[in-house]
Amino acid sequence: QDQLVESGGGLVQPGGSLRLSCEADGFSANAYAIAWFRQAPGKKREGIVCISSTSVGINYYAGSVRGRFSGSRDTAKNTVYLQMNSLKPEDTAIYYCARRISGRACESNWSTLEQYGTWGQGTQVTVSS
């Protein structure tokens, strides 16, 4: 069964950094576009970055994280990463990775939840002093 497993969350002070990992199990992560979403208490789940396969090489970022967050892949480890810098209290949320139902490329409507069919269990990120 195809799975995604997130790790790397935790408590960090404002201005700090974290790197989240999303390991694919049962399939090649690089055969799909993979996105990161987050959901804060009482808010809708929002897309923050979509990472196309290395053969496509196009990523999309939400405006709230552009310039601070960066998505990448390690094909040898079958893992997708989210590097988060200059963290703010409003970044506090559960972070999820998700696999697009089909396709290697992120598209302009990449943040639509219905495009994704496999989700990880989530990892908590808390930004607080």
Foldseek 3Di string as FASTA:
>chain_A
DKAWAKDWADEAAAQAKTKMKIAIDPDQLLQFWKWKWWDDPPDDIWTAKIAFHPVVGDMDGDPVQPPFWDWDDDRVRSMIMIIGGRDDQVVWTWMKMFTFPHDRDQDPPNTDPVRTDHMYPTDTHGYHD
